[in-house]
Amino acid sequence: MGNYDELDTARLTWVVLDRLVPPDDEAAARAALIRRDPELASLVARGDVTEDEAIARLRERQPRHRDPDEAIRWVAPVAAGLVVLFLALLVVTVLRSIVS
């Protein structure tokens, strides 16, 4: 069992949010991370949120671990469509120059 209280906060956050903790140590690591945040520790202690909800809140604070924003969800397919359209136009232009 790891001693998660000895890890610095950044490394502990990375280990927990990236799910790099062994399954049997997960509860201890999550509890150690929650204890580092006074607001979340208070909410969990009062029973206002569960440990899972507290970890979800921590994940929302980290841009790398958040779910993609709505804008990103539709921009990627649009960008891919524009690339395909450009490549098709390029192929047509090359074929026209070969035929002429």
PDB file of N, CA and C in Angstrom:
ATOM      1  N   MET A   1       0.849  -1.176   0.000  1.00  0.00           N
ATOM      2  CA  MET A   1       0.000   0.000   0.000  1.00  0.00           C
ATOM      3  C   MET A   1       0.889   1.231   0.000  1.00  0.00           C
ATOM      4  N   GLY A   2       0.607   2.168  -0.909  1.00  0.00           N
ATOM      5  CA  GLY A   2       1.405   3.380  -1.034  1.00  0.00           C
ATOM      6  C   GLY A   2       1.085   4.382   0.057  1.00  0.00           C
ATOM      7  N   ASN A   3       2.076   5.223   0.352  1.00  0.00           N
ATOM      8  CA  ASN A   3       1.855   6.291   1.312  1.00  0.00           C
ATOM      9  C   ASN A   3       1.578   7.569   0.529  1.00  0.00           C
ATOM     10  N   TYR A   4       0.322   7.825   0.261  1.00  0.00           N
ATOM     11  CA  TYR A   4      -0.078   8.922  -0.596  1.00  0.00           C
ATOM     12  C   TYR A   4       0.025  10.276   0.097  1.00  0.00           C
ATOM     13  N   ASP A   5       0.143  10.285   1.422  1.00  0.00           N
ATOM     14  CA  ASP A   5       0.308  11.548   2.134  1.00  0.00           C
ATOM     15  C   ASP A   5       1.685  12.157   1.880  1.00  0.00           C
ATOM     16  N   GLU A   6       2.644  11.353   1.447  1.00  0.00           N
ATOM     17  CA  GLU A   6       3.986  11.857   1.178  1.00  0.00           C
ATOM     18  C   GLU A   6       4.132  12.454  -0.215  1.00  0.00           C
ATOM     19  N   LEU A   7       3.197  12.171  -1.126  1.00  0.00           N
ATOM     20  CA  LEU A   7       3.260  12.718  -2.478  1.00  0.00           C
ATOM     21  C   LEU A   7       2.860  14.189  -2.468  1.00  0.00           C
ATOM     22  N   ASP A   8       3.483  14.971  -3.354  1.00  0.00           N
ATOM     23  CA  ASP A   8       3.033  16.358  -3.461  1.00  0.00           C
ATOM     24  C   ASP A   8       1.669  16.371  -4.147  1.00  0.00           C
ATOM     25  N   THR A   9       0.951  17.476  -3.993  1.00  0.00           N
ATOM     26  CA  THR A   9      -0.434  17.544  -4.462  1.00  0.00           C
ATOM     27  C   THR A   9      -0.543  17.349  -5.972  1.00  0.00           C
ATOM     28  N   ALA A  10       0.363  17.944  -6.727  1.00  0.00           N
ATOM     29  CA  ALA A  10       0.293  17.822  -8.185  1.00  0.00           C
ATOM     30  C   ALA A  10       0.443  16.368  -8.619  1.00  0.00           C
ATOM     31  N   ARG A  11       1.411  15.676  -8.046  1.00  0.00           N
ATOM     32  CA  ARG A  11       1.632  14.278  -8.420  1.00  0.00           C
ATOM     33  C   ARG A  11       0.464  13.402  -7.972  1.00  0.00           C
ATOM     34  N   LEU A  12      -0.051  13.653  -6.773  1.00  0.00           N
ATOM     35  CA  LEU A  12      -1.191  12.874  -6.279  1.00  0.00           C
ATOM     36  C   LEU A  12      -2.411  13.099  -7.168  1.00  0.00           C
ATOM     37  N   THR A  13      -2.646  14.338  -7.570  1.00  0.00           N
ATOM     38  CA  THR A  13      -3.762  14.647  -8.473  1.00  0.00           C
ATOM     39  C   THR A  13      -3.604  13.883  -9.775  1.00  0.00           C
ATOM     40  N   TRP A  14      -2.404  13.906 -10.328  1.00  0.00           N
ATOM     41  CA  TRP A  14      -2.125  13.218 -11.588  1.00  0.00           C
ATOM     42  C   TRP A  14      -2.369  11.715 -11.441  1.00  0.00           C
ATOM     43  N   VAL A  15      -1.866  11.137 -10.363  1.00  0.00           N
ATOM     44  CA  VAL A  15      -1.986   9.690 -10.159  1.00  0.00           C
ATOM     45  C   VAL A  15      -3.451   9.279  -9.998  1.00  0.00           C
ATOM     46  N   VAL A  16      -4.217  10.048  -9.241  1.00  0.00           N
ATOM     47  CA  VAL A  16      -5.620   9.678  -8.987  1.00  0.00           C
ATOM     48  C   VAL A  16      -6.486   9.938 -10.218  1.00  0.00           C
ATOM     49  N   LEU A  17      -6.367  11.125 -10.819  1.00  0.00           N
ATOM     50  CA  LEU A  17      -7.241  11.463 -11.936  1.00  0.00           C
ATOM     51  C   LEU A  17      -6.917  10.658 -13.193  1.00  0.00           C
ATOM     52  N   ASP A  18      -5.676  10.247 -13.348  1.00  0.00           N
ATOM     53  CA  ASP A  18      -5.317   9.400 -14.491  1.00  0.00           C
ATOM     54  C   ASP A  18      -5.524   7.922 -14.204  1.00  0.00           C
ATOM     55  N   ARG A  19      -6.048   7.627 -13.027  1.00  0.00           N
ATOM     56  CA  ARG A  19      -6.367   6.248 -12.620  1.00  0.00           C
ATOM     57  C   ARG A  19      -5.147   5.329 -12.695  1.00  0.00           C
ATOM     58  N   LEU A  20      -4.033   5.828 -12.136  1.00  0.00           N
ATOM     59  CA  LEU A  20      -2.793   5.054 -12.124  1.00  0.00           C
ATOM     60  C   LEU A  20      -2.576   4.327 -10.796  1.00  0.00           C
ATOM     61  N   VAL A  21      -3.535   4.421  -9.913  1.00  0.00           N
ATOM     62  CA  VAL A  21      -3.439   3.822  -8.588  1.00  0.00           C
ATOM     63  C   VAL A  21      -3.884   2.361  -8.672  1.00  0.00           C
ATOM     64  N   PRO A  22      -3.155   1.457  -8.027  1.00  0.00           N
ATOM     65  CA  PRO A  22      -3.615   0.063  -7.981  1.00  0.00           C
ATOM     66  C   PRO A  22      -5.007  -0.016  -7.351  1.00  0.00           C
ATOM     67  N   PRO A  23      -5.845  -0.912  -7.819  1.00  0.00           N
ATOM     68  CA  PRO A  23      -7.227  -0.988  -7.325  1.00  0.00           C
ATOM     69  C   PRO A  23      -7.350  -1.092  -5.809  1.00  0.00           C
ATOM     70  N   ASP A  24      -6.449  -1.815  -5.160  1.00  0.00           N
ATOM     71  CA  ASP A  24      -6.571  -1.962  -3.708  1.00  0.00           C
ATOM     72  C   ASP A  24      -6.101  -0.704  -2.963  1.00  0.00           C
ATOM     73  N   ASP A  25      -5.413   0.220  -3.634  1.00  0.00           N
ATOM     74  CA  ASP A  25      -4.979   1.480  -3.015  1.00  0.00           C
ATOM     75  C   ASP A  25      -5.854   2.665  -3.397  1.00  0.00           C
ATOM     76  N   GLU A  26      -6.812   2.440  -4.278  1.00  0.00           N
ATOM     77  CA  GLU A  26      -7.580   3.545  -4.822  1.00  0.00           C
ATOM     78  C   GLU A  26      -8.304   4.359  -3.747  1.00  0.00           C
ATOM     79  N   ALA A  27      -8.929   3.714  -2.798  1.00  0.00           N
ATOM     80  CA  ALA A  27      -9.677   4.429  -1.756  1.00  0.00           C
ATOM     81  C   ALA A  27      -8.749   5.322  -0.930  1.00  0.00           C
ATOM     82  N   ALA A  28      -7.578   4.816  -0.581  1.00  0.00           N
ATOM     83  CA  ALA A  28      -6.625   5.597   0.211  1.00  0.00           C
ATOM     84  C   ALA A  28      -6.110   6.794  -0.577  1.00  0.00           C
ATOM     85  N   ALA A  29      -5.821   6.595  -1.856  1.00  0.00           N
ATOM     86  CA  ALA A  29      -5.315   7.687  -2.682  1.00  0.00           C
ATOM     87  C   ALA A  29      -6.378   8.762  -2.887  1.00  0.00           C
ATOM     88  N   ARG A  30      -7.604   8.341  -3.139  1.00  0.00           N
ATOM     89  CA  ARG A  30      -8.687   9.311  -3.325  1.00  0.00           C
ATOM     90  C   ARG A  30      -8.941  10.097  -2.050  1.00  0.00           C
ATOM     91  N   ALA A  31      -8.928   9.403  -0.909  1.00  0.00           N
ATOM     92  CA  ALA A  31      -9.141  10.082   0.375  1.00  0.00           C
ATOM     93  C   ALA A  31      -8.022  11.081   0.653  1.00  0.00           C
ATOM     94  N   ALA A  32      -6.779  10.710   0.336  1.00  0.00           N
ATOM     95  CA  ALA A  32      -5.650  11.622   0.541  1.00  0.00           C
ATOM     96  C   ALA A  32      -5.790  12.860  -0.327  1.00  0.00           C
ATOM     97  N   LEU A  33      -6.234  12.680  -1.563  1.00  0.00           N
ATOM     98  CA  LEU A  33      -6.415  13.821  -2.459  1.00  0.00           C
ATOM     99  C   LEU A  33      -7.545  14.727  -1.987  1.00  0.00           C
ATOM    100  N   ILE A  34      -8.628  14.148  -1.538  1.00  0.00           N
ATOM    101  CA  ILE A  34      -9.759  14.948  -1.044  1.00  0.00           C
ATOM    102  C   ILE A  34      -9.350  15.735   0.192  1.00  0.00           C
ATOM    103  N   ARG A  35      -8.532  15.125   1.070  1.00  0.00           N
ATOM    104  CA  ARG A  35      -8.074  15.835   2.279  1.00  0.00           C
ATOM    105  C   ARG A  35      -7.244  17.068   1.945  1.00  0.00           C
ATOM    106  N   ARG A  36      -6.621  17.083   0.781  1.00  0.00           N
ATOM    107  CA  ARG A  36      -5.789  18.229   0.381  1.00  0.00           C
ATOM    108  C   ARG A  36      -6.612  19.448   0.013  1.00  0.00           C
ATOM    109  N   ASP A  37      -7.880  19.251  -0.313  1.00  0.00           N
ATOM    110  CA  ASP A  37      -8.762  20.360  -0.695  1.00  0.00           C
ATOM    111  C   ASP A  37      -9.735  20.619   0.450  1.00  0.00           C
ATOM    112  N   PRO A  38      -9.542  21.712   1.193  1.00  0.00           N
ATOM    113  CA  PRO A  38     -10.385  21.960   2.375  1.00  0.00           C
ATOM    114  C   PRO A  38     -11.881  22.012   2.061  1.00  0.00           C
ATOM    115  N   GLU A  39     -12.235  22.620   0.933  1.00  0.00           N
ATOM    116  CA  GLU A  39     -13.653  22.723   0.584  1.00  0.00           C
ATOM    117  C   GLU A  39     -14.263  21.346   0.354  1.00  0.00           C
ATOM    118  N   LEU A  40     -13.595  20.538  -0.452  1.00  0.00           N
ATOM    119  CA  LEU A  40     -14.118  19.194  -0.727  1.00  0.00           C
ATOM    120  C   LEU A  40     -14.082  18.314   0.513  1.00  0.00           C
ATOM    121  N   ALA A  41     -13.025  18.448   1.312  1.00  0.00           N
ATOM    122  CA  ALA A  41     -12.940  17.654   2.547  1.00  0.00           C
ATOM    123  C   ALA A  41     -14.119  17.972   3.457  1.00  0.00           C
ATOM    124  N   SER A  42     -14.471  19.245   3.534  1.00  0.00           N
ATOM    125  CA  SER A  42     -15.599  19.663   4.368  1.00  0.00           C
ATOM    126  C   SER A  42     -16.917  19.112   3.823  1.00  0.00           C
ATOM    127  N   LEU A  43     -17.093  19.203   2.502  1.00  0.00           N
ATOM    128  CA  LEU A  43     -18.332  18.696   1.898  1.00  0.00           C
ATOM    129  C   LEU A  43     -18.486  17.191   2.087  1.00  0.00           C
ATOM    130  N   VAL A  44     -17.387  16.463   1.952  1.00  0.00           N
ATOM    131  CA  VAL A  44     -17.443  15.003   2.143  1.00  0.00           C
ATOM    132  C   VAL A  44     -17.688  14.673   3.606  1.00  0.00           C
ATOM    133  N   ALA A  45     -17.036  15.397   4.519  1.00  0.00           N
ATOM    134  CA  ALA A  45     -17.208  15.138   5.953  1.00  0.00           C
ATOM    135  C   ALA A  45     -18.646  15.382   6.401  1.00  0.00           C
ATOM    136  N   ARG A  46     -19.277  16.412   5.833  1.00  0.00           N
ATOM    137  CA  ARG A  46     -20.674  16.709   6.187  1.00  0.00           C
ATOM    138  C   ARG A  46     -21.650  15.774   5.491  1.00  0.00           C
ATOM    139  N   GLY A  47     -21.180  15.048   4.482  1.00  0.00           N
ATOM    140  CA  GLY A  47     -22.064  14.147   3.747  1.00  0.00           C
ATOM    141  C   GLY A  47     -22.811  14.827   2.620  1.00  0.00           C
ATOM    142  N   ASP A  48     -22.395  16.045   2.258  1.00  0.00           N
ATOM    143  CA  ASP A  48     -23.056  16.760   1.163  1.00  0.00           C
ATOM    144  C   ASP A  48     -22.719  16.155  -0.197  1.00  0.00           C
ATOM    145  N   VAL A  49     -21.510  15.619  -0.321  1.00  0.00           N
ATOM    146  CA  VAL A  49     -21.113  14.952  -1.564  1.00  0.00           C
ATOM    147  C   VAL A  49     -20.404  13.645  -1.203  1.00  0.00           C
ATOM    148  N   THR A  50     -20.424  12.722  -2.116  1.00  0.00           N
ATOM    149  CA  THR A  50     -19.704  11.461  -1.913  1.00  0.00           C
ATOM    150  C   THR A  50     -18.258  11.644  -2.386  1.00  0.00           C
ATOM    151  N   GLU A  51     -17.431  10.663  -2.107  1.00  0.00           N
ATOM    152  CA  GLU A  51     -16.049  10.728  -2.584  1.00  0.00           C
ATOM    153  C   GLU A  51     -16.007  10.734  -4.111  1.00  0.00           C
ATOM    154  N   ASP A  52     -16.894   9.970  -4.727  1.00  0.00           N
ATOM    155  CA  ASP A  52     -16.945   9.952  -6.195  1.00  0.00           C
ATOM    156  C   ASP A  52     -17.283  11.329  -6.752  1.00  0.00           C
ATOM    157  N   GLU A  53     -18.250  12.000  -6.133  1.00  0.00           N
ATOM    158  CA  GLU A  53     -18.621  13.342  -6.581  1.00  0.00           C
ATOM    159  C   GLU A  53     -17.489  14.334  -6.343  1.00  0.00           C
ATOM    160  N   ALA A  54     -16.770  14.178  -5.248  1.00  0.00           N
ATOM    161  CA  ALA A  54     -15.636  15.057  -4.965  1.00  0.00           C
ATOM    162  C   ALA A  54     -14.547  14.872  -6.009  1.00  0.00           C
ATOM    163  N   ILE A  55     -14.253  13.640  -6.379  1.00  0.00           N
ATOM    164  CA  ILE A  55     -13.245  13.376  -7.415  1.00  0.00           C
ATOM    165  C   ILE A  55     -13.736  13.929  -8.750  1.00  0.00           C
ATOM    166  N   ALA A  56     -15.029  13.820  -9.029  1.00  0.00           N
ATOM    167  CA  ALA A  56     -15.581  14.377 -10.268  1.00  0.00           C
ATOM    168  C   ALA A  56     -15.407  15.894 -10.292  1.00  0.00           C
ATOM    169  N   ARG A  57     -15.599  16.541  -9.151  1.00  0.00           N
ATOM    170  CA  ARG A  57     -15.387  17.994  -9.080  1.00  0.00           C
ATOM    171  C   ARG A  57     -13.922  18.351  -9.310  1.00  0.00           C
ATOM    172  N   LEU A  58     -13.035  17.563  -8.745  1.00  0.00           N
ATOM    173  CA  LEU A  58     -11.605  17.794  -8.987  1.00  0.00           C
ATOM    174  C   LEU A  58     -11.284  17.612 -10.468  1.00  0.00           C
ATOM    175  N   ARG A  59     -11.874  16.615 -11.067  1.00  0.00           N
ATOM    176  CA  ARG A  59     -11.636  16.353 -12.487  1.00  0.00           C
ATOM    177  C   ARG A  59     -12.140  17.517 -13.343  1.00  0.00           C
ATOM    178  N   GLU A  60     -13.265  18.108 -12.964  1.00  0.00           N
ATOM    179  CA  GLU A  60     -13.808  19.253 -13.713  1.00  0.00           C
ATOM    180  C   GLU A  60     -12.885  20.459 -13.636  1.00  0.00           C
ATOM    181  N   ARG A  61     -12.162  20.594 -12.546  1.00  0.00           N
ATOM    182  CA  ARG A  61     -11.247  21.731 -12.382  1.00  0.00           C
ATOM    183  C   ARG A  61     -10.003  21.603 -13.249  1.00  0.00           C
ATOM    184  N   GLN A  62      -9.682  20.400 -13.637  1.00  0.00           N
ATOM    185  CA  GLN A  62      -8.469  20.143 -14.416  1.00  0.00           C
ATOM    186  C   GLN A  62      -8.829  20.112 -15.898  1.00  0.00           C
ATOM    187  N   PRO A  63      -8.349  21.067 -16.677  1.00  0.00           N
ATOM    188  CA  PRO A  63      -8.724  21.112 -18.095  1.00  0.00           C
ATOM    189  C   PRO A  63      -8.386  19.827 -18.850  1.00  0.00           C
ATOM    190  N   ARG A  64      -7.312  19.182 -18.474  1.00  0.00           N
ATOM    191  CA  ARG A  64      -6.891  17.969 -19.165  1.00  0.00           C
ATOM    192  C   ARG A  64      -7.843  16.799 -18.914  1.00  0.00           C
ATOM    193  N   HIS A  65      -8.555  16.829 -17.802  1.00  0.00           N
ATOM    194  CA  HIS A  65      -9.399  15.697 -17.418  1.00  0.00           C
ATOM    195  C   HIS A  65     -10.884  15.948 -17.630  1.00  0.00           C
ATOM    196  N   ARG A  66     -11.236  17.140 -18.108  1.00  0.00           N
ATOM    197  CA  ARG A  66     -12.643  17.457 -18.325  1.00  0.00           C
ATOM    198  C   ARG A  66     -13.163  16.779 -19.573  1.00  0.00           C
ATOM    199  N   ASP A  67     -14.475  16.637 -19.631  1.00  0.00           N
ATOM    200  CA  ASP A  67     -15.095  16.174 -20.861  1.00  0.00           C
ATOM    201  C   ASP A  67     -14.952  17.284 -21.888  1.00  0.00           C
ATOM    202  N   PRO A  68     -14.838  16.928 -23.163  1.00  0.00           N
ATOM    203  CA  PRO A  68     -14.686  17.964 -24.183  1.00  0.00           C
ATOM    204  C   PRO A  68     -15.882  18.910 -24.195  1.00  0.00           C
ATOM    205  N   ASP A  69     -15.591  20.174 -24.422  1.00  0.00           N
ATOM    206  CA  ASP A  69     -16.663  21.166 -24.510  1.00  0.00           C
ATOM    207  C   ASP A  69     -17.503  20.900 -25.754  1.00  0.00           C
ATOM    208  N   GLU A  70     -18.695  21.461 -25.764  1.00  0.00           N
ATOM    209  CA  GLU A  70     -19.590  21.291 -26.908  1.00  0.00           C
ATOM    210  C   GLU A  70     -18.943  21.811 -28.192  1.00  0.00           C
ATOM    211  N   ALA A  71     -18.214  22.923 -28.108  1.00  0.00           N
ATOM    212  CA  ALA A  71     -17.594  23.496 -29.300  1.00  0.00           C
ATOM    213  C   ALA A  71     -16.619  22.516 -29.932  1.00  0.00           C
ATOM    214  N   ILE A  72     -15.860  21.828 -29.131  1.00  0.00           N
ATOM    215  CA  ILE A  72     -14.870  20.898 -29.653  1.00  0.00           C
ATOM    216  C   ILE A  72     -15.553  19.686 -30.275  1.00  0.00           C
ATOM    217  N   ARG A  73     -16.679  19.310 -29.759  1.00  0.00           N
ATOM    218  CA  ARG A  73     -17.383  18.133 -30.279  1.00  0.00           C
ATOM    219  C   ARG A  73     -17.830  18.323 -31.719  1.00  0.00           C
ATOM    220  N   TRP A  74     -18.201  19.545 -32.110  1.00  0.00           N
ATOM    221  CA  TRP A  74     -18.654  19.726 -33.484  1.00  0.00           C
ATOM    222  C   TRP A  74     -17.574  20.310 -34.373  1.00  0.00           C
ATOM    223  N   VAL A  75     -16.544  20.926 -33.826  1.00  0.00           N
ATOM    224  CA  VAL A  75     -15.496  21.521 -34.643  1.00  0.00           C
ATOM    225  C   VAL A  75     -14.657  20.448 -35.330  1.00  0.00           C
ATOM    226  N   ALA A  76     -14.338  19.380 -34.623  1.00  0.00           N
ATOM    227  CA  ALA A  76     -13.495  18.333 -35.207  1.00  0.00           C
ATOM    228  C   ALA A  76     -14.132  17.714 -36.461  1.00  0.00           C
ATOM    229  N   PRO A  77     -15.392  17.311 -36.450  1.00  0.00           N
ATOM    230  CA  PRO A  77     -15.979  16.760 -37.677  1.00  0.00           C
ATOM    231  C   PRO A  77     -16.073  17.791 -38.805  1.00  0.00           C
ATOM    232  N   VAL A  78     -16.342  19.037 -38.456  1.00  0.00           N
ATOM    233  CA  VAL A  78     -16.414  20.087 -39.477  1.00  0.00           C
ATOM    234  C   VAL A  78     -15.037  20.287 -40.111  1.00  0.00           C
ATOM    235  N   ALA A  79     -14.000  20.321 -39.284  1.00  0.00           N
ATOM    236  CA  ALA A  79     -12.638  20.473 -39.802  1.00  0.00           C
ATOM    237  C   ALA A  79     -12.267  19.289 -40.696  1.00  0.00           C
ATOM    238  N   ALA A  80     -12.622  18.096 -40.286  1.00  0.00           N
ATOM    239  CA  ALA A  80     -12.340  16.910 -41.111  1.00  0.00           C
ATOM    240  C   ALA A  80     -13.091  16.989 -42.434  1.00  0.00           C
ATOM    241  N   GLY A  81     -14.320  17.444 -42.406  1.00  0.00           N
ATOM    242  CA  GLY A  81     -15.097  17.604 -43.633  1.00  0.00           C
ATOM    243  C   GLY A  81     -14.472  18.621 -44.577  1.00  0.00           C
ATOM    244  N   LEU A  82     -13.978  19.718 -44.024  1.00  0.00           N
ATOM    245  CA  LEU A  82     -13.322  20.731 -44.856  1.00  0.00           C
ATOM    246  C   LEU A  82     -12.035  20.192 -45.479  1.00  0.00           C
ATOM    247  N   VAL A  83     -11.300  19.396 -44.745  1.00  0.00           N
ATOM    248  CA  VAL A  83     -10.079  18.790 -45.282  1.00  0.00           C
ATOM    249  C   VAL A  83     -10.429  17.847 -46.425  1.00  0.00           C
ATOM    250  N   VAL A  84     -11.445  17.026 -46.259  1.00  0.00           N
ATOM    251  CA  VAL A  84     -11.870  16.105 -47.319  1.00  0.00           C
ATOM    252  C   VAL A  84     -12.327  16.892 -48.544  1.00  0.00           C
ATOM    253  N   LEU A  85     -13.086  17.963 -48.328  1.00  0.00           N
ATOM    254  CA  LEU A  85     -13.552  18.799 -49.430  1.00  0.00           C
ATOM    255  C   LEU A  85     -12.372  19.431 -50.177  1.00  0.00           C
ATOM    256  N   PHE A  86     -11.386  19.922 -49.441  1.00  0.00           N
ATOM    257  CA  PHE A  86     -10.200  20.516 -50.060  1.00  0.00           C
ATOM    258  C   PHE A  86      -9.435  19.478 -50.871  1.00  0.00           C
ATOM    259  N   LEU A  87      -9.268  18.275 -50.313  1.00  0.00           N
ATOM    260  CA  LEU A  87      -8.559  17.217 -51.038  1.00  0.00           C
ATOM    261  C   LEU A  87      -9.316  16.810 -52.306  1.00  0.00           C
ATOM    262  N   ALA A  88     -10.627  16.758 -52.230  1.00  0.00           N
ATOM    263  CA  ALA A  88     -11.427  16.426 -53.415  1.00  0.00           C
ATOM    264  C   ALA A  88     -11.261  17.500 -54.479  1.00  0.00           C
ATOM    265  N   LEU A  89     -11.274  18.753 -54.090  1.00  0.00           N
ATOM    266  CA  LEU A  89     -11.078  19.857 -55.023  1.00  0.00           C
ATOM    267  C   LEU A  89      -9.690  19.785 -55.654  1.00  0.00           C
ATOM    268  N   LEU A  90      -8.697  19.441 -54.860  1.00  0.00           N
ATOM    269  CA  LEU A  90      -7.331  19.304 -55.357  1.00  0.00           C
ATOM    270  C   LEU A  90      -7.233  18.175 -56.385  1.00  0.00           C
ATOM    271  N   VAL A  91      -7.872  17.055 -56.103  1.00  0.00           N
ATOM    272  CA  VAL A  91      -7.864  15.913 -57.031  1.00  0.00           C
ATOM    273  C   VAL A  91      -8.543  16.291 -58.339  1.00  0.00           C
ATOM    274  N   VAL A  92      -9.683  16.966 -58.267  1.00  0.00           N
ATOM    275  CA  VAL A  92     -10.416  17.379 -59.473  1.00  0.00           C
ATOM    276  C   VAL A  92      -9.556  18.340 -60.290  1.00  0.00           C
ATOM    277  N   THR A  93      -8.890  19.273 -59.644  1.00  0.00           N
ATOM    278  CA  THR A  93      -8.044  20.241 -60.343  1.00  0.00           C
ATOM    279  C   THR A  93      -6.879  19.533 -61.045  1.00  0.00           C
ATOM    280  N   VAL A  94      -6.255  18.587 -60.352  1.00  0.00           N
ATOM    281  CA  VAL A  94      -5.140  17.841 -60.961  1.00  0.00           C
ATOM    282  C   VAL A  94      -5.630  17.015 -62.121  1.00  0.00           C
ATOM    283  N   LEU A  95      -6.755  16.346 -61.983  1.00  0.00           N
ATOM    284  CA  LEU A  95      -7.304  15.535 -63.085  1.00  0.00           C
ATOM    285  C   LEU A  95      -7.677  16.398 -64.290  1.00  0.00           C
ATOM    286  N   ARG A  96      -8.211  17.576 -64.073  1.00  0.00           N
ATOM    287  CA  ARG A  96      -8.554  18.482 -65.178  1.00  0.00           C
ATOM    288  C   ARG A  96      -7.293  18.918 -65.923  1.00  0.00           C
ATOM    289  N   SER A  97      -6.223  19.179 -65.157  1.00  0.00           N
ATOM    290  CA  SER A  97      -4.989  19.621 -65.822  1.00  0.00           C
ATOM    291  C   SER A  97      -4.349  18.473 -66.601  1.00  0.00           C
ATOM    292  N   ILE A  98      -4.521  17.247 -66.145  1.00  0.00           N
ATOM    293  CA  ILE A  98      -3.971  16.088 -66.866  1.00  0.00           C
ATOM    294  C   ILE A  98      -4.766  15.836 -68.147  1.00  0.00           C
ATOM    295  N   VAL A  99      -6.074  15.955 -68.089  1.00  0.00           N
ATOM    296  CA  VAL A  99      -6.937  15.669 -69.233  1.00  0.00           C
ATOM    297  C   VAL A  99      -6.772  16.750 -70.305  1.00  0.00           C
ATOM    298  N   SER A 100      -6.547  17.981 -69.905  1.00  0.00           N
ATOM    299  CA  SER A 100      -6.459  19.091 -70.875  1.00  0.00           C
ATOM    300  C   SER A 100      -5.238  19.070 -71.702  1.00  0.00           C
TER     301      SER A 100
END
